[in-house]
Protein backbone atom coordinates (compact mmCIF):
# COMPACT_ATOMS: atom_id res chain seq x y z
CA MET A 1 2.22 -5.47 28.34
CA HIS A 2 1.24 -5.62 24.72
CA THR A 3 3.29 -8.22 22.86
CA VAL A 4 4.23 -7.73 19.22
CA ALA A 5 5.46 -10.72 17.27
CA VAL A 6 7.41 -9.75 14.05
CA LEU A 7 7.50 -12.66 11.68
CA ALA A 8 10.80 -13.17 9.81
CA LEU A 9 10.28 -15.21 6.70
CA ASP A 10 13.05 -16.31 4.31
CA ASP A 11 14.08 -13.62 1.83
CA VAL A 12 12.65 -11.05 4.20
CA ILE A 13 13.24 -7.35 3.28
CA PRO A 14 15.60 -6.15 6.09
CA SER A 15 14.05 -2.72 6.35
CA ASP A 16 10.55 -4.10 6.68
CA LEU A 17 11.73 -6.39 9.43
CA ALA A 18 13.75 -3.80 11.36
CA MET A 19 11.30 -0.87 11.19
CA PRO A 20 8.39 -2.38 13.32
CA ILE A 21 10.95 -3.81 15.76
CA ASP A 22 12.48 -0.33 16.23
CA VAL A 23 9.23 1.64 16.36
CA PHE A 24 7.51 -0.51 18.87
CA ALA A 25 10.59 -1.20 20.99
CA ARG A 26 11.21 2.49 21.56
CA THR A 27 7.58 3.39 22.37
CA ARG A 28 7.34 4.70 25.93
CA LEU A 29 4.27 5.24 28.18
CA PRO A 30 4.11 7.82 30.96
CA GLY A 31 6.83 7.20 33.47
CA GLU A 32 9.13 5.80 30.72
CA ARG A 33 7.50 2.40 30.91
CA ALA A 34 7.88 0.30 27.74
CA GLY A 35 4.70 0.12 25.74
CA TYR A 36 5.38 -3.10 23.91
CA ARG A 37 7.29 -6.39 24.29
CA VAL A 38 8.74 -7.19 20.81
CA ARG A 39 9.52 -10.79 19.78
CA VAL A 40 11.12 -11.79 16.46
CA CYS A 41 9.72 -15.11 15.31
CA ALA A 42 10.58 -17.50 12.48
CA ALA A 43 9.58 -20.90 11.11
CA THR A 44 13.30 -21.97 10.74
CA ASP A 45 16.40 -21.81 12.79
CA GLU A 46 18.07 -19.51 10.33
CA VAL A 47 16.43 -16.89 8.10
CA ASP A 48 17.95 -15.71 4.84
CA ALA A 49 17.72 -11.91 4.72
CA GLY A 50 19.67 -11.46 1.51
CA ALA A 51 22.83 -9.59 2.52
CA PHE A 52 22.91 -11.42 5.83
CA SER A 53 21.22 -14.27 7.75
CA LEU A 54 19.64 -14.16 11.16
CA ARG A 55 18.45 -16.38 13.96
CA ALA A 56 15.13 -15.52 15.56
CA PRO A 57 14.87 -16.20 19.31
CA TYR A 58 11.26 -17.35 18.93
CA GLY A 59 9.42 -19.86 16.76
CA LEU A 60 5.93 -19.88 15.29
CA ASP A 61 4.41 -20.88 18.58
CA ALA A 62 5.09 -17.28 19.79
CA LEU A 63 2.35 -16.01 17.42
CA ALA A 64 -0.19 -17.70 19.71
CA ASP A 65 0.80 -15.53 22.60
CA ALA A 66 1.09 -12.26 20.76
CA ASP A 67 -1.45 -9.40 20.85
CA THR A 68 -0.16 -8.19 17.40
CA VAL A 69 1.52 -10.11 14.68
CA VAL A 70 3.46 -8.06 12.05
CA VAL A 71 4.39 -9.68 8.68
CA PRO A 72 7.15 -7.85 6.85
CA GLY A 73 7.56 -8.17 3.07
CA VAL A 74 9.83 -10.54 1.22
CA HIS A 75 11.82 -9.81 -1.98
CA ASP A 76 9.72 -12.16 -4.13
CA PRO A 77 6.02 -11.71 -3.17
CA SER A 78 5.02 -14.53 -5.58
CA ALA A 79 7.09 -17.12 -3.62
CA PRO A 80 5.16 -19.88 -1.93
CA VAL A 81 4.50 -19.52 1.77
CA ARG A 82 5.23 -22.44 4.16
CA GLU A 83 2.12 -24.39 5.31
CA ASP A 84 3.13 -24.06 8.98
CA VAL A 85 3.29 -20.32 8.59
CA ILE A 86 -0.17 -20.28 6.98
CA ARG A 87 -1.57 -22.39 9.83
CA ALA A 88 0.01 -20.20 12.48
CA LEU A 89 -1.36 -17.00 10.95
CA ARG A 90 -4.84 -18.55 10.54
CA ALA A 91 -4.82 -19.76 14.16
CA ALA A 92 -3.77 -16.27 15.40
CA ALA A 93 -6.55 -14.67 13.34
CA ALA A 94 -9.12 -17.13 14.66
CA ALA A 95 -8.00 -16.27 18.19
CA GLY A 96 -8.68 -12.56 17.56
CA THR A 97 -5.01 -11.53 17.33
CA ARG A 98 -4.37 -8.22 15.44
CA ILE A 99 -2.41 -8.98 12.26
CA ALA A 100 -0.65 -6.34 10.14
CA SER A 101 1.46 -6.56 7.03
CA ILE A 102 4.30 -4.32 5.85
CA CYS A 103 4.66 -3.70 2.09
CA VAL A 104 4.33 -6.90 0.10
CA GLY A 105 3.84 -8.80 3.34
CA THR A 106 0.18 -8.31 2.23
CA PHE A 107 0.70 -11.27 -0.14
CA VAL A 108 1.34 -13.55 2.80
CA LEU A 109 -1.90 -12.49 4.47
CA ALA A 110 -3.68 -13.03 1.14
CA ARG A 111 -2.39 -16.56 0.80
CA ALA A 112 -3.52 -17.33 4.29
CA GLY A 113 -7.04 -16.24 3.25
CA LEU A 114 -7.13 -13.42 5.83
CA LEU A 115 -8.01 -10.63 3.31
CA ALA A 116 -10.91 -12.24 1.48
CA GLY A 117 -13.69 -9.69 1.05
CA LEU A 118 -11.61 -6.97 2.66
CA ARG A 119 -9.98 -3.80 1.38
CA ALA A 120 -6.16 -3.97 1.45
CA THR A 121 -3.10 -2.16 0.14
CA THR A 122 0.48 -3.03 -0.68
CA HIS A 123 3.42 -1.32 -2.42
CA TRP A 124 1.93 0.41 -5.45
CA TYR A 125 4.38 -1.44 -7.70
CA ALA A 126 2.87 -4.78 -6.75
CA ALA A 127 -0.79 -3.79 -6.40
CA GLY A 128 -1.74 -4.95 -9.88
CA GLU A 129 -0.15 -8.38 -9.20
CA LEU A 130 -2.04 -8.68 -5.91
CA ALA A 131 -5.34 -7.73 -7.44
CA ALA A 132 -4.90 -10.21 -10.35
CA ALA A 133 -3.86 -13.13 -7.99
CA HIS A 134 -6.61 -12.40 -5.48
CA PRO A 135 -9.74 -10.95 -7.03
CA ASP A 136 -11.63 -11.44 -3.83
CA ILE A 137 -9.61 -8.62 -2.30
CA ASP A 138 -10.45 -4.93 -2.83
CA VAL A 139 -6.98 -3.71 -3.58
CA ASP A 140 -6.47 0.02 -3.10
CA PRO A 141 -2.99 1.08 -4.30
CA ASP A 142 -3.46 4.78 -3.47
CA VAL A 143 -3.29 4.72 0.34
CA LEU A 144 -0.50 4.39 2.94
CA TYR A 145 -2.41 1.79 4.99
CA VAL A 146 -5.84 0.15 5.40
CA ASP A 147 -7.28 -0.62 8.84
CA ASN A 148 -10.00 -3.27 8.81
CA GLY A 149 -10.02 -3.54 12.62
CA GLN A 150 -8.29 -6.93 13.22
CA ILE A 151 -6.41 -7.07 9.92
CA LEU A 152 -4.23 -4.18 8.67
CA THR A 153 -2.14 -3.70 5.58
CA SER A 154 0.40 -1.01 4.59
CA ALA A 155 2.07 0.17 1.44
CA GLY A 156 5.79 0.07 0.85
CA ALA A 157 8.83 1.56 2.64
CA ALA A 158 7.96 4.38 5.13
CA ALA A 159 4.24 3.61 4.91
CA GLY A 160 4.95 0.74 7.32
CA MET A 161 6.02 3.25 9.83
CA ASP A 162 2.76 5.18 9.30
CA LEU A 163 0.91 1.94 10.04
CA CYS A 164 2.90 1.25 13.23
CA LEU A 165 2.23 4.75 14.52
CA HIS A 166 -1.43 4.29 13.73
CA MET A 167 -1.51 1.06 15.78
CA ILE A 168 0.31 2.76 18.65
CA ARG A 169 -2.32 5.51 18.61
CA ARG A 170 -5.10 2.88 18.67
CA ASP A 171 -3.44 1.15 21.61
CA TYR A 172 -2.28 4.07 23.76
CA GLY A 173 -3.65 7.34 22.29
CA SER A 174 -2.29 10.25 20.34
CA ALA A 175 0.20 11.57 22.98
CA VAL A 176 2.12 8.29 23.16
CA ALA A 177 1.95 7.95 19.33
CA ALA A 178 3.25 11.49 18.92
CA ASP A 179 6.22 10.71 21.16
CA ALA A 180 6.90 7.55 19.13
CA ALA A 181 6.79 9.54 15.95
CA ARG A 182 9.19 12.20 17.33
CA ALA A 183 11.56 9.40 18.39
CA SER A 184 11.51 8.12 14.76
CA VAL A 185 11.70 11.67 13.31
CA MET A 186 8.37 11.11 11.53
CA PRO A 187 5.17 13.15 11.44
CA LEU A 188 2.34 11.46 13.27
CA GLU A 189 0.19 12.08 10.17
CA ARG A 190 1.70 12.91 6.84
CA GLU A 191 0.23 15.79 4.77
CA GLY A 192 -2.54 14.57 2.51
CA GLY A 193 -3.85 11.91 4.78
CA GLN A 194 -2.95 8.31 3.94
CA ALA A 195 -1.86 8.14 0.26
CA GLN A 196 1.19 6.97 -1.65
CA PHE A 197 3.09 9.18 -4.04
CA ILE A 198 2.82 7.34 -7.33
CA VAL A 199 5.08 9.19 -9.72
CA SER A 200 7.43 7.10 -11.80
CA LEU A 201 5.38 4.56 -13.72
CA PRO A 202 2.27 4.68 -15.78
CA PRO A 203 -0.91 2.94 -14.72
CA ALA A 204 -0.60 -0.84 -14.84
CA ASN A 205 -0.20 -1.96 -18.48
CA PRO A 206 -0.13 -5.75 -18.79
CA ARG A 207 2.01 -6.01 -21.91
CA GLY A 208 1.22 -8.86 -24.22
CA ARG A 209 -2.36 -9.04 -23.05
CA ALA A 210 -5.47 -8.30 -25.19
CA LEU A 211 -5.99 -4.87 -23.62
CA GLU A 212 -2.73 -3.33 -24.51
CA PRO A 213 -3.91 -1.46 -27.64
CA LEU A 214 -6.85 -0.09 -25.70
CA LEU A 215 -4.66 1.10 -22.88
CA ALA A 216 -2.33 2.79 -25.34
CA TRP A 217 -5.28 4.50 -26.91
CA LEU A 218 -6.56 5.66 -23.51
CA GLU A 219 -3.10 7.04 -22.72
CA GLU A 220 -3.05 9.01 -25.97
CA ASN A 221 -6.66 10.30 -25.55
CA ALA A 222 -6.70 10.93 -21.81
CA ALA A 223 -7.39 14.62 -22.34
CA ARG A 224 -10.58 13.95 -24.11
CA GLU A 225 -13.97 13.57 -22.35
CA LEU A 226 -14.50 9.84 -22.47
CA THR A 227 -17.36 7.80 -20.99
CA LEU A 228 -17.46 4.12 -20.40
CA ASP A 229 -19.61 3.76 -23.50
CA ASP A 230 -17.01 5.61 -25.58
CA ILE A 231 -14.17 3.30 -24.33
CA ALA A 232 -16.32 0.19 -24.92
CA ALA A 233 -17.21 1.30 -28.44
CA HIS A 234 -13.58 1.85 -29.29
CA ALA A 235 -12.74 -1.63 -27.93
CA GLY A 236 -15.63 -3.21 -29.80
CA LEU A 237 -17.08 -4.63 -26.67
CA SER A 238 -20.15 -4.18 -24.55
CA SER A 239 -19.65 -2.08 -21.43
CA ARG A 240 -20.29 -5.10 -19.21
CA THR A 241 -17.74 -7.26 -21.03
CA LEU A 242 -15.21 -4.45 -21.05
CA LEU A 243 -15.59 -3.98 -17.33
CA ARG A 244 -15.08 -7.64 -16.70
CA ARG A 245 -12.03 -7.98 -18.92
CA PHE A 246 -10.54 -4.75 -17.69
CA ARG A 247 -10.79 -5.76 -14.06
CA GLU A 248 -9.31 -9.19 -14.80
CA GLN A 249 -6.33 -7.78 -16.57
CA THR A 250 -5.53 -4.58 -14.68
CA GLY A 251 -7.30 -4.91 -11.35
CA THR A 252 -9.28 -1.74 -11.85
CA THR A 253 -12.00 -0.26 -14.03
CA PRO A 254 -11.46 1.70 -17.33
CA LEU A 255 -12.48 5.04 -15.79
CA GLN A 256 -10.27 4.57 -12.73
CA TRP A 257 -7.46 3.72 -15.08
CA LEU A 258 -8.14 6.77 -17.06
CA HIS A 259 -8.24 9.05 -14.04
CA ARG A 260 -4.89 7.73 -12.90
CA ALA A 261 -3.38 8.28 -16.30
CA ARG A 262 -4.59 11.93 -16.13
CA VAL A 263 -3.25 12.32 -12.63
CA ARG A 264 0.08 10.88 -13.71
CA ARG A 265 0.27 13.39 -16.62
CA ALA A 266 -0.62 16.21 -14.19
CA GLN A 267 2.11 15.12 -11.82
CA HIS A 268 4.65 15.45 -14.67
CA LEU A 269 3.40 18.94 -15.54
CA LEU A 270 3.42 20.00 -11.95
CA GLU A 271 6.97 18.79 -11.64
CA THR A 272 8.35 20.26 -14.84
CA THR A 273 6.35 23.43 -15.62
CA ALA A 274 5.07 26.55 -13.89
CA HIS A 275 1.62 26.33 -15.51
CA PRO A 276 -1.21 27.25 -13.20
CA VAL A 277 -3.24 24.45 -11.71
CA GLU A 278 -6.31 25.58 -13.75
CA ARG A 279 -4.36 25.17 -17.00
CA ILE A 280 -3.03 21.80 -16.04
CA ALA A 281 -6.50 20.61 -15.16
CA ALA A 282 -7.71 21.43 -18.70
CA GLN A 283 -4.53 20.02 -20.29
CA VAL A 284 -4.98 16.57 -18.74
CA GLY A 285 -8.73 16.28 -19.33
CA PHE A 286 -10.61 17.39 -16.25
CA GLY A 287 -13.74 19.44 -16.82
CA SER A 288 -13.08 21.82 -13.98
CA PRO A 289 -10.18 22.75 -11.65
CA THR A 290 -12.36 21.64 -8.65
CA ALA A 291 -12.85 18.16 -10.10
CA PHE A 292 -9.14 18.00 -10.89
CA ARG A 293 -8.16 18.99 -7.36
CA ASP A 294 -10.51 16.41 -5.86
CA ARG A 295 -9.33 13.57 -8.05
CA PHE A 296 -5.68 14.49 -7.75
CA LYS A 297 -5.87 14.46 -3.94
CA ARG A 298 -7.76 11.14 -3.92
CA VAL A 299 -5.03 9.53 -6.15
CA ALA A 300 -1.84 11.33 -5.03
CA GLY A 301 -2.84 12.05 -1.38
CA VAL A 302 -2.02 15.69 -1.43
CA SER A 303 -3.30 18.82 -3.30
CA PRO A 304 -1.70 19.78 -6.57
CA GLN A 305 -0.05 22.77 -4.91
CA ALA A 306 1.45 20.58 -2.13
CA TYR A 307 2.71 18.08 -4.76
CA ARG A 308 4.38 20.87 -6.70
CA ARG A 309 6.07 22.19 -3.60
CA ALA A 310 7.43 18.63 -2.82
CA PHE A 311 8.51 17.60 -6.31
CA SER A 312 8.80 20.59 -8.62
CA SER A 313 11.99 20.93 -10.67
CA SER A 314 10.85 24.06 -12.49
CA GLY A 315 11.52 26.46 -9.72
CA ALA A 316 7.80 27.27 -9.52
């Protein structure tokens, strides 16, 4: 039987911890056989989970016997990680164990060096922090999860369930995964593929840093046709220097930041107006409705029409 070790660290987010335990424990194979053996592991006798504390029945040595290790997030992703936890995760990875993170659990994998040179995701709110702290990781804040084969990462909240269902499908096929999804009252694949809804905050704006005036200018001029050279000229920098500084301070490129600013504005218009998609595309600065639809789906994960159906407050 496939063994899943769920690692409970101090300050663990309870929902991140409970969700993989629940999803894997209720997975059933034909004949009602259990698909997984789930073990909760910890580095200490007692784990602080905020509103309560817990005692895990297994220690870090259980990671060595697991087929999959799941690392839930903790409330403070910048907190240091115990050296024995780092060693146990590295040993599991070296042995070929599949390792997955839920939400900001990605930071733990990053500190263990397991994501160097790989694409990864985390909760969109913390993606900029992850990219700034670990420039060797290709941080993608726009997806629900990233599967690199042995190492997998997921975004926040329900995206962890999407990742667990994905792993179940990898292990036992779509029929078993579909049953697990039904048991969790979740679709096996959410509409729009694998993308987070990013709706409430503007693109990362590192206040107090040198780029803040440029980011404000980009926000104000997002509807204009702007090239990298235009942005660099406004900043008084060469394109190469701008790219380097922009990535250092925001974790992305000027044009990617601009596209997300435009999509964010489009999300607001889709939510609050009945304007046709073609009009919104022009209002936010896209040269054609087709380009707008393509970019919107890449960033938001669904089409503009689907987004409007889900979030519109205008009655459209």
